[in-house]
Amino acid sequence: DQMKVKPVYKKFAGWLKKTKGINKWESLPNNAKKYIKFIKDYCGVKIS
C-alpha cells in the first residue's frame, strides 16, 4: 500500500526572497510564514 499511495497536494505560492541568515520571525517573507503556519496547524505541533 505504501508503494501505491498517491499524494494529494495543497499548493502554496513561493516567497522568491532570501531567507538564509534570518533569525527573527518578523523578517521572514509573508509566504514563508504561511507555509510554516500550515505545517504547524496541520501537524498539530508548535514550531519551536
All heavy atoms as atom14 arrays in JSON, in Angstrom:
{
  "sequence": "DQMKVKPVYKKFAGWLKKTKGINKWESLPNNAKKYIKFIKDYCGVKIS",
  "atom14_mask": [
    [1, 1, 1, 1, 1, 1, 1, 1, 0, 0, 0, 0, 0, 0],
    [1, 1, 1, 1, 1, 1, 1, 1, 1, 0, 0, 0, 0, 0],
    [1, 1, 1, 1, 1, 1, 1, 1, 0, 0, 0, 0, 0, 0],
    [1, 1, 1, 1, 1, 1, 1, 1, 1, 0, 0, 0, 0, 0],
    [1, 1, 1, 1, 1, 1, 1, 0, 0, 0, 0, 0, 0, 0],
    [1, 1, 1, 1, 1, 1, 1, 1, 1, 0, 0, 0, 0, 0],
    [1, 1, 1, 1, 1, 1, 1, 0, 0, 0, 0, 0, 0, 0],
    [1, 1, 1, 1, 1, 1, 1, 0, 0, 0, 0, 0, 0, 0],
    [1, 1, 1, 1, 1, 1, 1, 1, 1, 1, 1, 1, 0, 0],
    [1, 1, 1, 1, 1, 1, 1, 1, 1, 0, 0, 0, 0, 0],
    [1, 1, 1, 1, 1, 1, 1, 1, 1, 0, 0, 0, 0, 0],
    [1, 1, 1, 1, 1, 1, 1, 1, 1, 1, 1, 0, 0, 0],
    [1, 1, 1, 1, 1, 0, 0, 0, 0, 0, 0, 0, 0, 0],
    [1, 1, 1, 1, 0, 0, 0, 0, 0, 0, 0, 0, 0, 0],
    [1, 1, 1, 1, 1, 1, 1, 1, 1, 1, 1, 1, 1, 1],
    [1, 1, 1, 1, 1, 1, 1, 1, 0, 0, 0, 0, 0, 0],
    [1, 1, 1, 1, 1, 1, 1, 1, 1, 0, 0, 0, 0, 0],
    [1, 1, 1, 1, 1, 1, 1, 1, 1, 0, 0, 0, 0, 0],
    [1, 1, 1, 1, 1, 1, 1, 0, 0, 0, 0, 0, 0, 0],
    [1, 1, 1, 1, 1, 1, 1, 1, 1, 0, 0, 0, 0, 0],
    [1, 1, 1, 1, 0, 0, 0, 0, 0, 0, 0, 0, 0, 0],
    [1, 1, 1, 1, 1, 1, 1, 1, 0, 0, 0, 0, 0, 0],
    [1, 1, 1, 1, 1, 1, 1, 1, 0, 0, 0, 0, 0, 0],
    [1, 1, 1, 1, 1, 1, 1, 1, 1, 0, 0, 0, 0, 0],
    [1, 1, 1, 1, 1, 1, 1, 1, 1, 1, 1, 1, 1, 1],
    [1, 1, 1, 1, 1, 1, 1, 1, 1, 0, 0, 0, 0, 0],
    [1, 1, 1, 1, 1, 1, 0, 0, 0, 0, 0, 0, 0, 0],
    [1, 1, 1, 1, 1, 1, 1, 1, 0, 0, 0, 0, 0, 0],
    [1, 1, 1, 1, 1, 1, 1, 0, 0, 0, 0, 0, 0, 0],
    [1, 1, 1, 1, 1, 1, 1, 1, 0, 0, 0, 0, 0, 0],
    [1, 1, 1, 1, 1, 1, 1, 1, 0, 0, 0, 0, 0, 0],
    [1, 1, 1, 1, 1, 0, 0, 0, 0, 0, 0, 0, 0, 0],
    [1, 1, 1, 1, 1, 1, 1, 1, 1, 0, 0, 0, 0, 0],
    [1, 1, 1, 1, 1, 1, 1, 1, 1, 0, 0, 0, 0, 0],
    [1, 1, 1, 1, 1, 1, 1, 1, 1, 1, 1, 1, 0, 0],
    [1, 1, 1, 1, 1, 1, 1, 1, 0, 0, 0, 0, 0, 0],
    [1, 1, 1, 1, 1, 1, 1, 1, 1, 0, 0, 0, 0, 0],
    [1, 1, 1, 1, 1, 1, 1, 1, 1, 1, 1, 0, 0, 0],
    [1, 1, 1, 1, 1, 1, 1, 1, 0, 0, 0, 0, 0, 0],
    [1, 1, 1, 1, 1, 1, 1, 1, 1, 0, 0, 0, 0, 0],
    [1, 1, 1, 1, 1, 1, 1, 1, 0, 0, 0, 0, 0, 0],
    [1, 1, 1, 1, 1, 1, 1, 1, 1, 1, 1, 1, 0, 0],
    [1, 1, 1, 1, 1, 1, 0, 0, 0, 0, 0, 0, 0, 0],
    [1, 1, 1, 1, 0, 0, 0, 0, 0, 0, 0, 0, 0, 0],
    [1, 1, 1, 1, 1, 1, 1, 0, 0, 0, 0, 0, 0, 0],
    [1, 1, 1, 1, 1, 1, 1, 1, 1, 0, 0, 0, 0, 0],
    [1, 1, 1, 1, 1, 1, 1, 1, 0, 0, 0, 0, 0, 0],
    [1, 1, 1, 1, 1, 1, 0, 0, 0, 0, 0, 0, 0, 0]
  ],
  "atom14_positions": [
    [[0.82, -1.2, 0.0], [0.0, 0.0, 0.0], [0.86, 1.26, 0.0], [0.52, 2.27, -0.63], [-0.93, 0.01, 1.22], [-2.05, -1.01, 1.1], [-2.31, -1.5, -0.03], [-2.67, -1.34, 2.14], [0.0, 0.0, 0.0], [0.0, 0.0, 0.0], [0.0, 0.0, 0.0], [0.0, 0.0, 0.0], [0.0, 0.0, 0.0], [0.0, 0.0, 0.0]],
    [[1.98, 1.23, 0.72], [2.89, 2.37, 0.75], [3.4, 2.72, -0.65], [3.57, 3.88, -1.0], [4.07, 2.09, 1.69], [3.7, 2.04, 3.16], [4.87, 1.61, 4.03], [5.94, 1.23, 3.54], [4.7, 1.68, 5.34], [0.0, 0.0, 0.0], [0.0, 0.0, 0.0], [0.0, 0.0, 0.0], [0.0, 0.0, 0.0], [0.0, 0.0, 0.0]],
    [[3.64, 1.69, -1.45], [4.13, 1.91, -2.81], [3.05, 2.4, -3.75], [3.35, 3.02, -4.78], [4.75, 0.61, -3.35], [5.94, 0.09, -2.56], [7.38, 1.18, -2.57], [7.95, 0.99, -4.25], [0.0, 0.0, 0.0], [0.0, 0.0, 0.0], [0.0, 0.0, 0.0], [0.0, 0.0, 0.0], [0.0, 0.0, 0.0], [0.0, 0.0, 0.0]],
    [[1.78, 2.16, -3.37], [0.67, 2.52, -4.27], [0.06, 3.88, -4.0], [-0.61, 4.45, -4.86], [-0.43, 1.45, -4.18], [-0.1, 0.13, -4.86], [-1.31, -0.75, -5.07], [-1.95, -1.18, -3.8], [-3.1, -2.13, -4.03], [0.0, 0.0, 0.0], [0.0, 0.0, 0.0], [0.0, 0.0, 0.0], [0.0, 0.0, 0.0], [0.0, 0.0, 0.0]],
    [[0.24, 4.41, -2.78], [-0.44, 5.66, -2.44], [0.01, 6.8, -3.34], [1.17, 6.89, -3.74], [-0.23, 6.06, -0.95], [-0.85, 5.04, -0.02], [1.25, 6.26, -0.64], [0.0, 0.0, 0.0], [0.0, 0.0, 0.0], [0.0, 0.0, 0.0], [0.0, 0.0, 0.0], [0.0, 0.0, 0.0], [0.0, 0.0, 0.0], [0.0, 0.0, 0.0]],
    [[-0.95, 7.66, -3.68], [-0.68, 8.84, -4.49], [-0.92, 10.09, -3.65], [-1.96, 10.21, -3.0], [-1.57, 8.87, -5.73], [-1.42, 7.64, -6.63], [-0.02, 7.53, -7.22], [0.1, 6.31, -8.14], [1.5, 6.14, -8.64], [0.0, 0.0, 0.0], [0.0, 0.0, 0.0], [0.0, 0.0, 0.0], [0.0, 0.0, 0.0], [0.0, 0.0, 0.0]],
    [[0.03, 11.03, -3.63], [-0.13, 12.21, -2.79], [-1.22, 13.15, -3.28], [-1.4, 13.34, -4.49], [1.25, 12.88, -2.86], [1.83, 12.4, -4.16], [1.31, 11.01, -4.37], [0.0, 0.0, 0.0], [0.0, 0.0, 0.0], [0.0, 0.0, 0.0], [0.0, 0.0, 0.0], [0.0, 0.0, 0.0], [0.0, 0.0, 0.0], [0.0, 0.0, 0.0]],
    [[-1.95, 13.72, -2.35], [-2.91, 14.8, -2.62], [-2.25, 16.08, -2.13], [-1.93, 16.21, -0.94], [-4.24, 14.56, -1.91], [-5.2, 15.73, -2.17], [-4.87, 13.24, -2.36], [0.0, 0.0, 0.0], [0.0, 0.0, 0.0], [0.0, 0.0, 0.0], [0.0, 0.0, 0.0], [0.0, 0.0, 0.0], [0.0, 0.0, 0.0], [0.0, 0.0, 0.0]],
    [[-2.06, 17.05, -3.02], [-1.27, 18.23, -2.69], [-2.12, 19.47, -2.45], [-3.19, 19.65, -3.03], [-0.29, 18.55, -3.82], [0.89, 17.6, -3.93], [1.03, 16.78, -5.05], [1.85, 17.53, -2.93], [2.12, 15.92, -5.16], [2.94, 16.68, -3.04], [3.08, 15.88, -4.15], [4.16, 15.04, -4.26], [0.0, 0.0, 0.0], [0.0, 0.0, 0.0]],
    [[-1.59, 20.32, -1.6], [-2.08, 21.69, -1.45], [-0.98, 22.61, -1.97], [0.18, 22.48, -1.61], [-2.39, 22.03, 0.02], [-2.91, 23.45, 0.25], [-3.26, 23.67, 1.72], [-3.65, 25.13, 1.96], [-4.91, 25.49, 1.23], [0.0, 0.0, 0.0], [0.0, 0.0, 0.0], [0.0, 0.0, 0.0], [0.0, 0.0, 0.0], [0.0, 0.0, 0.0]],
    [[-1.37, 23.53, -2.85], [-0.4, 24.41, -3.5], [-0.16, 25.68, -2.68], [-1.09, 26.25, -2.11], [-0.88, 24.79, -4.89], [0.11, 25.6, -5.73], [-0.45, 25.86, -7.12], [0.52, 26.69, -7.96], [-0.02, 26.95, -9.32], [0.0, 0.0, 0.0], [0.0, 0.0, 0.0], [0.0, 0.0, 0.0], [0.0, 0.0, 0.0], [0.0, 0.0, 0.0]],
    [[1.1, 26.11, -2.63], [1.47, 27.33, -1.93], [2.31, 28.21, -2.87], [3.12, 27.69, -3.65], [2.29, 27.04, -0.67], [1.52, 26.36, 0.41], [1.3, 24.99, 0.37], [1.0, 27.08, 1.47], [0.58, 24.35, 1.37], [0.28, 26.44, 2.48], [0.06, 25.08, 2.41], [0.0, 0.0, 0.0], [0.0, 0.0, 0.0], [0.0, 0.0, 0.0]],
    [[2.12, 29.49, -2.76], [2.96, 30.42, -3.52], [4.32, 30.53, -2.84], [4.41, 30.67, -1.62], [2.29, 31.79, -3.6], [0.0, 0.0, 0.0], [0.0, 0.0, 0.0], [0.0, 0.0, 0.0], [0.0, 0.0, 0.0], [0.0, 0.0, 0.0], [0.0, 0.0, 0.0], [0.0, 0.0, 0.0], [0.0, 0.0, 0.0], [0.0, 0.0, 0.0]],
    [[5.37, 30.41, -3.63], [6.71, 30.58, -3.08], [6.96, 32.02, -2.69], [6.2, 32.93, -3.05], [0.0, 0.0, 0.0], [0.0, 0.0, 0.0], [0.0, 0.0, 0.0], [0.0, 0.0, 0.0], [0.0, 0.0, 0.0], [0.0, 0.0, 0.0], [0.0, 0.0, 0.0], [0.0, 0.0, 0.0], [0.0, 0.0, 0.0], [0.0, 0.0, 0.0]],
    [[8.04, 32.28, -1.97], [8.32, 33.63, -1.49], [9.38, 34.33, -2.32], [9.45, 35.55, -2.32], [8.72, 33.64, -0.01], [9.65, 32.52, 0.41], [11.0, 32.52, 0.47], [9.26, 31.23, 0.87], [11.5, 31.34, 0.91], [10.45, 30.51, 1.19], [8.04, 30.6, 1.06], [10.44, 29.22, 1.66], [8.04, 29.3, 1.54], [9.23, 28.62, 1.83]],
    [[10.19, 33.58, -3.09], [11.17, 34.14, -4.03], [11.98, 35.27, -3.39], [12.31, 36.27, -4.04], [10.46, 34.62, -5.3], [9.71, 33.54, -6.09], [8.95, 34.15, -7.26], [10.68, 32.47, -6.58], [0.0, 0.0, 0.0], [0.0, 0.0, 0.0], [0.0, 0.0, 0.0], [0.0, 0.0, 0.0], [0.0, 0.0, 0.0], [0.0, 0.0, 0.0]],
    [[12.26, 35.14, -2.14], [13.1, 36.09, -1.4], [14.09, 35.3, -0.55], [13.81, 34.19, -0.14], [12.25, 37.01, -0.52], [11.35, 37.95, -1.28], [10.54, 38.82, -0.32], [9.61, 39.75, -1.08], [8.77, 40.56, -0.15], [0.0, 0.0, 0.0], [0.0, 0.0, 0.0], [0.0, 0.0, 0.0], [0.0, 0.0, 0.0], [0.0, 0.0, 0.0]],
    [[15.22, 35.91, -0.27], [16.26, 35.24, 0.51], [15.85, 35.15, 1.99], [15.53, 36.14, 2.62], [17.57, 36.01, 0.39], [18.74, 35.38, 1.14], [19.99, 36.23, 1.0], [21.14, 35.64, 1.83], [22.36, 36.5, 1.75], [0.0, 0.0, 0.0], [0.0, 0.0, 0.0], [0.0, 0.0, 0.0], [0.0, 0.0, 0.0], [0.0, 0.0, 0.0]],
    [[15.87, 33.91, 2.52], [15.64, 33.71, 3.95], [16.92, 33.29, 4.67], [16.96, 33.28, 5.91], [14.56, 32.64, 4.2], [15.02, 31.37, 3.68], [13.24, 33.02, 3.56], [0.0, 0.0, 0.0], [0.0, 0.0, 0.0], [0.0, 0.0, 0.0], [0.0, 0.0, 0.0], [0.0, 0.0, 0.0], [0.0, 0.0, 0.0], [0.0, 0.0, 0.0]],
    [[17.96, 32.95, 3.92], [19.21, 32.49, 4.53], [19.77, 33.55, 5.48], [19.94, 34.7, 5.13], [20.24, 32.17, 3.45], [21.51, 31.52, 4.0], [22.43, 31.1, 2.87], [23.67, 30.39, 3.45], [24.56, 29.91, 2.37], [0.0, 0.0, 0.0], [0.0, 0.0, 0.0], [0.0, 0.0, 0.0], [0.0, 0.0, 0.0], [0.0, 0.0, 0.0]],
    [[20.02, 33.11, 6.71], [20.6, 34.01, 7.69], [19.6, 34.76, 8.55], [19.98, 35.41, 9.53], [0.0, 0.0, 0.0], [0.0, 0.0, 0.0], [0.0, 0.0, 0.0], [0.0, 0.0, 0.0], [0.0, 0.0, 0.0], [0.0, 0.0, 0.0], [0.0, 0.0, 0.0], [0.0, 0.0, 0.0], [0.0, 0.0, 0.0], [0.0, 0.0, 0.0]],
    [[18.32, 34.68, 8.22], [17.29, 35.37, 9.02], [17.18, 34.73, 10.4], [17.14, 33.51, 10.51], [15.93, 35.36, 8.3], [15.97, 36.28, 7.07], [14.8, 35.78, 9.24], [14.7, 36.27, 6.24], [0.0, 0.0, 0.0], [0.0, 0.0, 0.0], [0.0, 0.0, 0.0], [0.0, 0.0, 0.0], [0.0, 0.0, 0.0], [0.0, 0.0, 0.0]],
    [[17.12, 35.53, 11.44], [16.99, 35.0, 12.8], [15.84, 35.62, 13.58], [15.78, 35.49, 14.81], [18.3, 35.14, 13.57], [18.82, 36.56, 13.59], [18.08, 37.53, 13.39], [20.12, 36.71, 13.83], [0.0, 0.0, 0.0], [0.0, 0.0, 0.0], [0.0, 0.0, 0.0], [0.0, 0.0, 0.0], [0.0, 0.0, 0.0], [0.0, 0.0, 0.0]],
    [[14.92, 36.27, 12.89], [13.72, 36.82, 13.51], [12.49, 36.45, 12.69], [12.51, 36.57, 11.46], [13.82, 38.34, 13.65], [14.89, 38.82, 14.62], [14.89, 40.33, 14.71], [15.96, 40.82, 15.69], [15.99, 42.32, 15.73], [0.0, 0.0, 0.0], [0.0, 0.0, 0.0], [0.0, 0.0, 0.0], [0.0, 0.0, 0.0], [0.0, 0.0, 0.0]],
    [[11.43, 36.02, 13.37], [10.19, 35.65, 12.69], [9.65, 36.8, 11.84], [9.19, 36.59, 10.71], [9.14, 35.21, 13.72], [7.77, 34.99, 13.15], [6.72, 35.87, 13.22], [7.31, 33.86, 12.42], [5.63, 35.34, 12.57], [5.96, 34.1, 12.06], [7.9, 32.66, 12.02], [5.19, 33.19, 11.35], [7.13, 31.74, 11.3], [5.79, 32.02, 10.96]],
    [[9.72, 37.99, 12.37], [9.18, 39.16, 11.69], [9.86, 39.42, 10.35], [9.28, 40.04, 9.45], [9.31, 40.42, 12.57], [8.51, 40.38, 13.86], [9.16, 39.51, 14.93], [10.38, 39.22, 14.82], [8.44, 39.1, 15.86], [0.0, 0.0, 0.0], [0.0, 0.0, 0.0], [0.0, 0.0, 0.0], [0.0, 0.0, 0.0], [0.0, 0.0, 0.0]],
    [[11.09, 38.96, 10.21], [11.86, 39.23, 8.99], [11.57, 38.23, 7.86], [12.02, 38.45, 6.73], [13.36, 39.21, 9.31], [13.68, 40.17, 10.29], [0.0, 0.0, 0.0], [0.0, 0.0, 0.0], [0.0, 0.0, 0.0], [0.0, 0.0, 0.0], [0.0, 0.0, 0.0], [0.0, 0.0, 0.0], [0.0, 0.0, 0.0], [0.0, 0.0, 0.0]],
    [[10.85, 37.16, 8.15], [10.54, 36.18, 7.12], [9.53, 36.74, 6.13], [8.62, 37.49, 6.5], [9.95, 34.91, 7.75], [10.91, 33.97, 8.49], [10.11, 32.86, 9.18], [11.93, 33.36, 7.53], [0.0, 0.0, 0.0], [0.0, 0.0, 0.0], [0.0, 0.0, 0.0], [0.0, 0.0, 0.0], [0.0, 0.0, 0.0], [0.0, 0.0, 0.0]],
    [[9.64, 36.37, 4.84], [8.62, 36.76, 3.86], [7.25, 36.21, 4.27], [7.16, 35.15, 4.88], [9.11, 36.13, 2.56], [10.57, 35.86, 2.78], [10.73, 35.59, 4.23], [0.0, 0.0, 0.0], [0.0, 0.0, 0.0], [0.0, 0.0, 0.0], [0.0, 0.0, 0.0], [0.0, 0.0, 0.0], [0.0, 0.0, 0.0], [0.0, 0.0, 0.0]],
    [[6.19, 36.92, 3.9], [4.84, 36.51, 4.29], [4.48, 35.11, 3.8], [3.85, 34.32, 4.51], [3.8, 37.52, 3.79], [3.81, 38.8, 4.62], [4.15, 38.78, 5.81], [3.42, 39.91, 4.0], [0.0, 0.0, 0.0], [0.0, 0.0, 0.0], [0.0, 0.0, 0.0], [0.0, 0.0, 0.0], [0.0, 0.0, 0.0], [0.0, 0.0, 0.0]],
    [[4.87, 34.79, 2.57], [4.55, 33.47, 2.03], [5.29, 32.36, 2.76], [4.79, 31.24, 2.89], [4.84, 33.42, 0.53], [3.79, 34.14, -0.29], [2.71, 34.49, 0.21], [4.09, 34.39, -1.56], [0.0, 0.0, 0.0], [0.0, 0.0, 0.0], [0.0, 0.0, 0.0], [0.0, 0.0, 0.0], [0.0, 0.0, 0.0], [0.0, 0.0, 0.0]],
    [[6.48, 32.65, 3.25], [7.22, 31.68, 4.06], [6.49, 31.45, 5.38], [6.39, 30.32, 5.87], [8.65, 32.16, 4.3], [0.0, 0.0, 0.0], [0.0, 0.0, 0.0], [0.0, 0.0, 0.0], [0.0, 0.0, 0.0], [0.0, 0.0, 0.0], [0.0, 0.0, 0.0], [0.0, 0.0, 0.0], [0.0, 0.0, 0.0], [0.0, 0.0, 0.0]],
    [[5.97, 32.53, 5.97], [5.21, 32.42, 7.22], [3.96, 31.57, 7.01], [3.6, 30.74, 7.86], [4.8, 33.81, 7.72], [5.95, 34.66, 8.23], [5.43, 36.02, 8.67], [6.55, 36.91, 9.16], [6.06, 38.28, 9.51], [0.0, 0.0, 0.0], [0.0, 0.0, 0.0], [0.0, 0.0, 0.0], [0.0, 0.0, 0.0], [0.0, 0.0, 0.0]],
    [[3.27, 31.77, 5.88], [2.07, 30.98, 5.58], [2.39, 29.49, 5.46], [1.66, 28.63, 5.94], [1.42, 31.49, 4.28], [0.77, 32.86, 4.4], [0.21, 33.31, 3.05], [-0.38, 34.72, 3.14], [-0.88, 35.18, 1.81], [0.0, 0.0, 0.0], [0.0, 0.0, 0.0], [0.0, 0.0, 0.0], [0.0, 0.0, 0.0], [0.0, 0.0, 0.0]],
    [[3.51, 29.2, 4.78], [3.96, 27.82, 4.59], [4.23, 27.17, 5.95], [3.8, 26.04, 6.23], [5.22, 27.84, 3.72], [5.76, 26.5, 3.3], [5.31, 25.87, 2.14], [6.77, 25.88, 4.03], [5.84, 24.66, 1.72], [7.31, 24.66, 3.63], [6.84, 24.06, 2.48], [7.37, 22.84, 2.07], [0.0, 0.0, 0.0], [0.0, 0.0, 0.0]],
    [[4.94, 27.88, 6.8], [5.32, 27.36, 8.12], [4.1, 27.2, 9.02], [3.95, 26.19, 9.72], [6.36, 28.28, 8.76], [7.67, 28.25, 7.95], [6.63, 27.88, 10.22], [8.63, 29.37, 8.29], [0.0, 0.0, 0.0], [0.0, 0.0, 0.0], [0.0, 0.0, 0.0], [0.0, 0.0, 0.0], [0.0, 0.0, 0.0], [0.0, 0.0, 0.0]],
    [[3.2, 28.18, 9.01], [2.0, 28.12, 9.84], [1.12, 26.93, 9.45], [0.5, 26.29, 10.29], [1.2, 29.43, 9.72], [1.8, 30.57, 10.53], [0.95, 31.83, 10.36], [1.5, 32.98, 11.21], [0.71, 34.24, 10.98], [0.0, 0.0, 0.0], [0.0, 0.0, 0.0], [0.0, 0.0, 0.0], [0.0, 0.0, 0.0], [0.0, 0.0, 0.0]],
    [[1.08, 26.64, 8.14], [0.27, 25.5, 7.7], [0.84, 24.2, 8.26], [0.08, 23.34, 8.71], [0.22, 25.42, 6.17], [-0.63, 24.27, 5.69], [-1.99, 24.41, 5.55], [-0.06, 23.03, 5.39], [-2.8, 23.34, 5.13], [-0.84, 21.96, 4.98], [-2.21, 22.12, 4.84], [0.0, 0.0, 0.0], [0.0, 0.0, 0.0], [0.0, 0.0, 0.0]],
    [[2.16, 24.05, 8.22], [2.78, 22.85, 8.79], [2.42, 22.72, 10.26], [2.06, 21.64, 10.73], [4.31, 22.91, 8.59], [4.65, 22.77, 7.1], [5.01, 21.81, 9.4], [6.12, 22.98, 6.77], [0.0, 0.0, 0.0], [0.0, 0.0, 0.0], [0.0, 0.0, 0.0], [0.0, 0.0, 0.0], [0.0, 0.0, 0.0], [0.0, 0.0, 0.0]],
    [[2.51, 23.82, 11.0], [2.16, 23.81, 12.43], [0.71, 23.39, 12.64], [0.41, 22.51, 13.46], [2.39, 25.2, 13.02], [1.9, 25.33, 14.47], [2.09, 26.74, 15.0], [1.05, 27.69, 14.48], [-0.3, 27.47, 15.05], [0.0, 0.0, 0.0], [0.0, 0.0, 0.0], [0.0, 0.0, 0.0], [0.0, 0.0, 0.0], [0.0, 0.0, 0.0]],
    [[-0.2, 23.99, 11.91], [-1.64, 23.72, 12.09], [-2.0, 22.3, 11.67], [-2.77, 21.61, 12.34], [-2.47, 24.73, 11.32], [-2.36, 26.14, 11.88], [-1.97, 26.28, 13.06], [-2.64, 27.11, 11.14], [0.0, 0.0, 0.0], [0.0, 0.0, 0.0], [0.0, 0.0, 0.0], [0.0, 0.0, 0.0], [0.0, 0.0, 0.0], [0.0, 0.0, 0.0]],
    [[-1.45, 21.85, 10.55], [-1.78, 20.51, 10.05], [-1.26, 19.44, 10.99], [-1.98, 18.48, 11.31], [-1.21, 20.3, 8.65], [-1.61, 18.97, 8.04], [-2.71, 18.87, 7.19], [-0.92, 17.8, 8.33], [-3.09, 17.66, 6.64], [-1.3, 16.58, 7.79], [-2.38, 16.52, 6.95], [-2.75, 15.3, 6.42], [0.0, 0.0, 0.0], [0.0, 0.0, 0.0]],
    [[-0.02, 19.58, 11.43], [0.6, 18.56, 12.29], [0.13, 18.66, 13.73], [0.29, 17.71, 14.51], [2.12, 18.66, 12.22], [2.8, 18.31, 10.58], [0.0, 0.0, 0.0], [0.0, 0.0, 0.0], [0.0, 0.0, 0.0], [0.0, 0.0, 0.0], [0.0, 0.0, 0.0], [0.0, 0.0, 0.0], [0.0, 0.0, 0.0], [0.0, 0.0, 0.0]],
    [[-0.41, 19.82, 14.11], [-0.89, 19.99, 15.47], [0.22, 20.09, 16.5], [0.03, 19.76, 17.67], [0.0, 0.0, 0.0], [0.0, 0.0, 0.0], [0.0, 0.0, 0.0], [0.0, 0.0, 0.0], [0.0, 0.0, 0.0], [0.0, 0.0, 0.0], [0.0, 0.0, 0.0], [0.0, 0.0, 0.0], [0.0, 0.0, 0.0], [0.0, 0.0, 0.0]],
    [[1.39, 20.56, 16.05], [2.55, 20.69, 16.93], [3.15, 22.09, 16.75], [3.31, 22.57, 15.63], [3.63, 19.63, 16.62], [4.8, 19.76, 17.6], [3.05, 18.23, 16.7], [0.0, 0.0, 0.0], [0.0, 0.0, 0.0], [0.0, 0.0, 0.0], [0.0, 0.0, 0.0], [0.0, 0.0, 0.0], [0.0, 0.0, 0.0], [0.0, 0.0, 0.0]],
    [[3.51, 22.72, 17.85], [4.11, 24.05, 17.8], [5.45, 24.03, 17.09], [6.18, 23.04, 17.18], [4.29, 24.6, 19.22], [3.03, 24.93, 19.96], [3.31, 25.51, 21.32], [3.78, 24.44, 22.25], [3.92, 24.96, 23.65], [0.0, 0.0, 0.0], [0.0, 0.0, 0.0], [0.0, 0.0, 0.0], [0.0, 0.0, 0.0], [0.0, 0.0, 0.0]],
    [[5.76, 25.11, 16.4], [7.08, 25.29, 15.82], [7.96, 25.94, 16.89], [7.7, 27.06, 17.34], [7.05, 26.18, 14.57], [6.05, 25.65, 13.52], [8.46, 26.29, 13.97], [6.41, 24.34, 12.89], [0.0, 0.0, 0.0], [0.0, 0.0, 0.0], [0.0, 0.0, 0.0], [0.0, 0.0, 0.0], [0.0, 0.0, 0.0], [0.0, 0.0, 0.0]],
    [[8.99, 25.23, 17.32], [9.86, 25.76, 18.37], [11.02, 26.59, 17.81], [11.49, 27.52, 18.45], [10.41, 24.64, 19.25], [11.33, 23.85, 18.55], [0.0, 0.0, 0.0], [0.0, 0.0, 0.0], [0.0, 0.0, 0.0], [0.0, 0.0, 0.0], [0.0, 0.0, 0.0], [0.0, 0.0, 0.0], [0.0, 0.0, 0.0], [0.0, 0.0, 0.0]]
  ]
}
